[in-house]
Amino acid sequence: MSQSRKLTKKNVWKYMLGVVLVFFLQILQQEISEPNQPMTLAIAILTILLGIAYLRVDF
């Protein structure tokens, strides 16, 4: 029981991170089409960090 609950919790976190990652990717795509240099760089860095976190998440 505990093992399956832990797995579900991990899946929920991974799903939430995935949603946030997609959200940031959408913003990044919009920023690239209408460049605003410092903001684009900040969002790109955040997206990369979120992507790494998404791939490595293991709660």
PDB file of N, CA and C in Angstrom:
ATOM      1  N   MET A   1       0.830  -1.201   0.000  1.00  0.00           N
ATOM      2  CA  MET A   1       0.000   0.000   0.000  1.00  0.00           C
ATOM      3  C   MET A   1       0.868   1.256   0.000  1.00  0.00           C
ATOM      4  N   SER A   2       1.864   1.270   0.880  1.00  0.00           N
ATOM      5  CA  SER A   2       2.741   2.436   0.996  1.00  0.00           C
ATOM      6  C   SER A   2       3.517   2.671  -0.305  1.00  0.00           C
ATOM      7  N   GLN A   3       3.963   1.575  -0.917  1.00  0.00           N
ATOM      8  CA  GLN A   3       4.734   1.682  -2.161  1.00  0.00           C
ATOM      9  C   GLN A   3       3.887   2.308  -3.269  1.00  0.00           C
ATOM     10  N   SER A   4       2.629   1.876  -3.389  1.00  0.00           N
ATOM     11  CA  SER A   4       1.771   2.411  -4.454  1.00  0.00           C
ATOM     12  C   SER A   4       1.420   3.872  -4.191  1.00  0.00           C
ATOM     13  N   ARG A   5       1.250   4.243  -2.929  1.00  0.00           N
ATOM     14  CA  ARG A   5       0.950   5.637  -2.587  1.00  0.00           C
ATOM     15  C   ARG A   5       2.143   6.523  -2.923  1.00  0.00           C
ATOM     16  N   LYS A   6       3.346   6.035  -2.637  1.00  0.00           N
ATOM     17  CA  LYS A   6       4.570   6.783  -2.939  1.00  0.00           C
ATOM     18  C   LYS A   6       4.688   6.993  -4.448  1.00  0.00           C
ATOM     19  N   LEU A   7       4.380   5.970  -5.217  1.00  0.00           N
ATOM     20  CA  LEU A   7       4.446   6.045  -6.676  1.00  0.00           C
ATOM     21  C   LEU A   7       3.450   7.078  -7.201  1.00  0.00           C
ATOM     22  N   THR A   8       2.248   7.087  -6.644  1.00  0.00           N
ATOM     23  CA  THR A   8       1.231   8.044  -7.071  1.00  0.00           C
ATOM     24  C   THR A   8       1.670   9.464  -6.771  1.00  0.00           C
ATOM     25  N   LYS A   9       2.232   9.677  -5.579  1.00  0.00           N
ATOM     26  CA  LYS A   9       2.702  11.007  -5.194  1.00  0.00           C
ATOM     27  C   LYS A   9       3.796  11.475  -6.156  1.00  0.00           C
ATOM     28  N   LYS A  10       4.703  10.568  -6.515  1.00  0.00           N
ATOM     29  CA  LYS A  10       5.777  10.889  -7.458  1.00  0.00           C
ATOM     30  C   LYS A  10       5.187  11.269  -8.814  1.00  0.00           C
ATOM     31  N   ASN A  11       4.169  10.523  -9.256  1.00  0.00           N
ATOM     32  CA  ASN A  11       3.542  10.818 -10.546  1.00  0.00           C
ATOM     33  C   ASN A  11       2.856  12.173 -10.540  1.00  0.00           C
ATOM     34  N   VAL A  12       2.228  12.534  -9.419  1.00  0.00           N
ATOM     35  CA  VAL A  12       1.565  13.837  -9.312  1.00  0.00           C
ATOM     36  C   VAL A  12       2.596  14.950  -9.425  1.00  0.00           C
ATOM     37  N   TRP A  13       3.730  14.820  -8.720  1.00  0.00           N
ATOM     38  CA  TRP A  13       4.786  15.837  -8.792  1.00  0.00           C
ATOM     39  C   TRP A  13       5.324  15.947 -10.203  1.00  0.00           C
ATOM     40  N   LYS A  14       5.524  14.800 -10.853  1.00  0.00           N
ATOM     41  CA  LYS A  14       6.063  14.812 -12.207  1.00  0.00           C
ATOM     42  C   LYS A  14       5.065  15.465 -13.168  1.00  0.00           C
ATOM     43  N   TYR A  15       3.783  15.195 -12.976  1.00  0.00           N
ATOM     44  CA  TYR A  15       2.746  15.804 -13.807  1.00  0.00           C
ATOM     45  C   TYR A  15       2.722  17.319 -13.614  1.00  0.00           C
ATOM     46  N   MET A  16       2.789  17.774 -12.352  1.00  0.00           N
ATOM     47  CA  MET A  16       2.775  19.212 -12.068  1.00  0.00           C
ATOM     48  C   MET A  16       3.992  19.897 -12.687  1.00  0.00           C
ATOM     49  N   LEU A  17       5.161  19.283 -12.551  1.00  0.00           N
ATOM     50  CA  LEU A  17       6.368  19.843 -13.159  1.00  0.00           C
ATOM     51  C   LEU A  17       6.228  19.905 -14.676  1.00  0.00           C
ATOM     52  N   GLY A  18       5.620  18.874 -15.251  1.00  0.00           N
ATOM     53  CA  GLY A  18       5.412  18.845 -16.694  1.00  0.00           C
ATOM     54  C   GLY A  18       4.514  19.983 -17.160  1.00  0.00           C
ATOM     55  N   VAL A  19       3.445  20.249 -16.400  1.00  0.00           N
ATOM     56  CA  VAL A  19       2.524  21.339 -16.743  1.00  0.00           C
ATOM     57  C   VAL A  19       3.250  22.677 -16.688  1.00  0.00           C
ATOM     58  N   VAL A  20       4.040  22.891 -15.623  1.00  0.00           N
ATOM     59  CA  VAL A  20       4.791  24.143 -15.482  1.00  0.00           C
ATOM     60  C   VAL A  20       5.802  24.280 -16.614  1.00  0.00           C
ATOM     61  N   LEU A  21       6.450  23.172 -16.968  1.00  0.00           N
ATOM     62  CA  LEU A  21       7.436  23.187 -18.051  1.00  0.00           C
ATOM     63  C   LEU A  21       6.786  23.581 -19.378  1.00  0.00           C
ATOM     64  N   VAL A  22       5.634  23.002 -19.673  1.00  0.00           N
ATOM     65  CA  VAL A  22       4.921  23.342 -20.910  1.00  0.00           C
ATOM     66  C   VAL A  22       4.521  24.814 -20.901  1.00  0.00           C
ATOM     67  N   PHE A  23       4.070  25.311 -19.742  1.00  0.00           N
ATOM     68  CA  PHE A  23       3.688  26.717 -19.592  1.00  0.00           C
ATOM     69  C   PHE A  23       4.867  27.633 -19.922  1.00  0.00           C
ATOM     70  N   PHE A  24       6.047  27.325 -19.347  1.00  0.00           N
ATOM     71  CA  PHE A  24       7.228  28.144 -19.613  1.00  0.00           C
ATOM     72  C   PHE A  24       7.670  28.036 -21.069  1.00  0.00           C
ATOM     73  N   LEU A  25       7.541  26.852 -21.655  1.00  0.00           N
ATOM     74  CA  LEU A  25       7.903  26.699 -23.069  1.00  0.00           C
ATOM     75  C   LEU A  25       7.000  27.546 -23.962  1.00  0.00           C
ATOM     76  N   GLN A  26       5.713  27.630 -23.604  1.00  0.00           N
ATOM     77  CA  GLN A  26       4.784  28.466 -24.375  1.00  0.00           C
ATOM     78  C   GLN A  26       5.190  29.935 -24.275  1.00  0.00           C
ATOM     79  N   ILE A  27       5.526  30.387 -23.062  1.00  0.00           N
ATOM     80  CA  ILE A  27       5.960  31.776 -22.872  1.00  0.00           C
ATOM     81  C   ILE A  27       7.234  32.032 -23.671  1.00  0.00           C
ATOM     82  N   LEU A  28       8.170  31.088 -23.622  1.00  0.00           N
ATOM     83  CA  LEU A  28       9.439  31.227 -24.340  1.00  0.00           C
ATOM     84  C   LEU A  28       9.191  31.349 -25.841  1.00  0.00           C
ATOM     85  N   GLN A  29       8.285  30.539 -26.360  1.00  0.00           N
ATOM     86  CA  GLN A  29       7.962  30.593 -27.789  1.00  0.00           C
ATOM     87  C   GLN A  29       7.387  31.964 -28.147  1.00  0.00           C
ATOM     88  N   GLN A  30       6.531  32.496 -27.296  1.00  0.00           N
ATOM     89  CA  GLN A  30       5.931  33.815 -27.527  1.00  0.00           C
ATOM     90  C   GLN A  30       6.999  34.906 -27.465  1.00  0.00           C
ATOM     91  N   GLU A  31       7.926  34.796 -26.512  1.00  0.00           N
ATOM     92  CA  GLU A  31       8.997  35.786 -26.361  1.00  0.00           C
ATOM     93  C   GLU A  31       9.934  35.774 -27.566  1.00  0.00           C
ATOM     94  N   ILE A  32      10.170  34.596 -28.138  1.00  0.00           N
ATOM     95  CA  ILE A  32      11.065  34.505 -29.295  1.00  0.00           C
ATOM     96  C   ILE A  32      10.431  35.212 -30.494  1.00  0.00           C
ATOM     97  N   SER A  33       9.105  35.096 -30.618  1.00  0.00           N
ATOM     98  CA  SER A  33       8.444  35.761 -31.746  1.00  0.00           C
ATOM     99  C   SER A  33       8.389  37.277 -31.562  1.00  0.00           C
ATOM    100  N   GLU A  34       8.357  37.743 -30.309  1.00  0.00           N
ATOM    101  CA  GLU A  34       8.419  39.190 -30.015  1.00  0.00           C
ATOM    102  C   GLU A  34       9.541  39.409 -29.005  1.00  0.00           C
ATOM    103  N   PRO A  35      10.782  39.516 -29.450  1.00  0.00           N
ATOM    104  CA  PRO A  35      11.918  39.492 -28.526  1.00  0.00           C
ATOM    105  C   PRO A  35      11.936  40.648 -27.519  1.00  0.00           C
ATOM    106  N   ASN A  36      12.216  40.288 -26.302  1.00  0.00           N
ATOM    107  CA  ASN A  36      12.466  41.237 -25.215  1.00  0.00           C
ATOM    108  C   ASN A  36      13.654  40.620 -24.484  1.00  0.00           C
ATOM    109  N   GLN A  37      14.852  40.998 -24.865  1.00  0.00           N
ATOM    110  CA  GLN A  37      16.081  40.268 -24.571  1.00  0.00           C
ATOM    111  C   GLN A  37      16.257  39.736 -23.141  1.00  0.00           C
ATOM    112  N   PRO A  38      16.246  40.578 -22.108  1.00  0.00           N
ATOM    113  CA  PRO A  38      16.511  40.040 -20.767  1.00  0.00           C
ATOM    114  C   PRO A  38      15.465  39.024 -20.323  1.00  0.00           C
ATOM    115  N   MET A  39      14.200  39.278 -20.662  1.00  0.00           N
ATOM    116  CA  MET A  39      13.133  38.364 -20.261  1.00  0.00           C
ATOM    117  C   MET A  39      13.275  37.027 -20.964  1.00  0.00           C
ATOM    118  N   THR A  40      13.620  37.043 -22.248  1.00  0.00           N
ATOM    119  CA  THR A  40      13.787  35.804 -23.004  1.00  0.00           C
ATOM    120  C   THR A  40      14.891  34.953 -22.393  1.00  0.00           C
ATOM    121  N   LEU A  41      15.995  35.569 -22.035  1.00  0.00           N
ATOM    122  CA  LEU A  41      17.107  34.843 -21.431  1.00  0.00           C
ATOM    123  C   LEU A  41      16.693  34.239 -20.094  1.00  0.00           C
ATOM    124  N   ALA A  42      16.007  35.010 -19.260  1.00  0.00           N
ATOM    125  CA  ALA A  42      15.567  34.522 -17.950  1.00  0.00           C
ATOM    126  C   ALA A  42      14.613  33.341 -18.104  1.00  0.00           C
ATOM    127  N   ILE A  43      13.677  33.445 -19.026  1.00  0.00           N
ATOM    128  CA  ILE A  43      12.707  32.363 -19.231  1.00  0.00           C
ATOM    129  C   ILE A  43      13.392  31.131 -19.813  1.00  0.00           C
ATOM    130  N   ALA A  44      14.371  31.336 -20.702  1.00  0.00           N
ATOM    131  CA  ALA A  44      15.106  30.206 -21.272  1.00  0.00           C
ATOM    132  C   ALA A  44      15.855  29.455 -20.178  1.00  0.00           C
ATOM    133  N   ILE A  45      16.516  30.185 -19.284  1.00  0.00           N
ATOM    134  CA  ILE A  45      17.255  29.556 -18.182  1.00  0.00           C
ATOM    135  C   ILE A  45      16.296  28.809 -17.261  1.00  0.00           C
ATOM    136  N   LEU A  46      15.179  29.443 -16.910  1.00  0.00           N
ATOM    137  CA  LEU A  46      14.176  28.790 -16.064  1.00  0.00           C
ATOM    138  C   LEU A  46      13.645  27.521 -16.714  1.00  0.00           C
ATOM    139  N   THR A  47      13.393  27.568 -18.013  1.00  0.00           N
ATOM    140  CA  THR A  47      12.868  26.408 -18.728  1.00  0.00           C
ATOM    141  C   THR A  47      13.873  25.268 -18.722  1.00  0.00           C
ATOM    142  N   ILE A  48      15.143  25.584 -18.937  1.00  0.00           N
ATOM    143  CA  ILE A  48      16.186  24.558 -18.917  1.00  0.00           C
ATOM    144  C   ILE A  48      16.274  23.918 -17.531  1.00  0.00           C
ATOM    145  N   LEU A  49      16.264  24.750 -16.483  1.00  0.00           N
ATOM    146  CA  LEU A  49      16.328  24.222 -15.117  1.00  0.00           C
ATOM    147  C   LEU A  49      15.114  23.352 -14.800  1.00  0.00           C
ATOM    148  N   LEU A  50      13.934  23.788 -15.220  1.00  0.00           N
ATOM    149  CA  LEU A  50      12.726  22.994 -14.992  1.00  0.00           C
ATOM    150  C   LEU A  50      12.786  21.676 -15.758  1.00  0.00           C
ATOM    151  N   GLY A  51      13.331  21.719 -16.964  1.00  0.00           N
ATOM    152  CA  GLY A  51      13.475  20.495 -17.750  1.00  0.00           C
ATOM    153  C   GLY A  51      14.392  19.498 -17.067  1.00  0.00           C
ATOM    154  N   ILE A  52      15.502  19.977 -16.533  1.00  0.00           N
ATOM    155  CA  ILE A  52      16.430  19.111 -15.802  1.00  0.00           C
ATOM    156  C   ILE A  52      15.748  18.548 -14.560  1.00  0.00           C
ATOM    157  N   ALA A  53      15.028  19.401 -13.830  1.00  0.00           N
ATOM    158  CA  ALA A  53      14.311  18.948 -12.634  1.00  0.00           C
ATOM    159  C   ALA A  53      13.272  17.897 -13.015  1.00  0.00           C
ATOM    160  N   TYR A  54      12.576  18.099 -14.121  1.00  0.00           N
ATOM    161  CA  TYR A  54      11.549  17.157 -14.569  1.00  0.00           C
ATOM    162  C   TYR A  54      12.159  15.789 -14.865  1.00  0.00           C
ATOM    163  N   LEU A  55      13.318  15.782 -15.504  1.00  0.00           N
ATOM    164  CA  LEU A  55      13.954  14.513 -15.853  1.00  0.00           C
ATOM    165  C   LEU A  55      14.546  13.807 -14.633  1.00  0.00           C
ATOM    166  N   ARG A  56      14.929  14.575 -13.609  1.00  0.00           N
ATOM    167  CA  ARG A  56      15.620  13.991 -12.470  1.00  0.00           C
ATOM    168  C   ARG A  56      14.743  13.808 -11.234  1.00  0.00           C
ATOM    169  N   VAL A  57      13.461  14.222 -11.296  1.00  0.00           N
ATOM    170  CA  VAL A  57      12.618  14.179 -10.101  1.00  0.00           C
ATOM    171  C   VAL A  57      12.464  12.738  -9.608  1.00  0.00           C
ATOM    172  N   ASP A  58      12.674  12.556  -8.321  1.00  0.00           N
ATOM    173  CA  ASP A  58      12.570  11.228  -7.720  1.00  0.00           C
ATOM    174  C   ASP A  58      12.253  11.398  -6.244  1.00  0.00           C
ATOM    175  N   PHE A  59      11.001  11.668  -5.944  1.00  0.00           N
ATOM    176  CA  PHE A  59      10.621  11.895  -4.548  1.00  0.00           C
ATOM    177  C   PHE A  59      10.301  10.599  -3.854  1.00  0.00           C
TER     178      PHE A  59
END
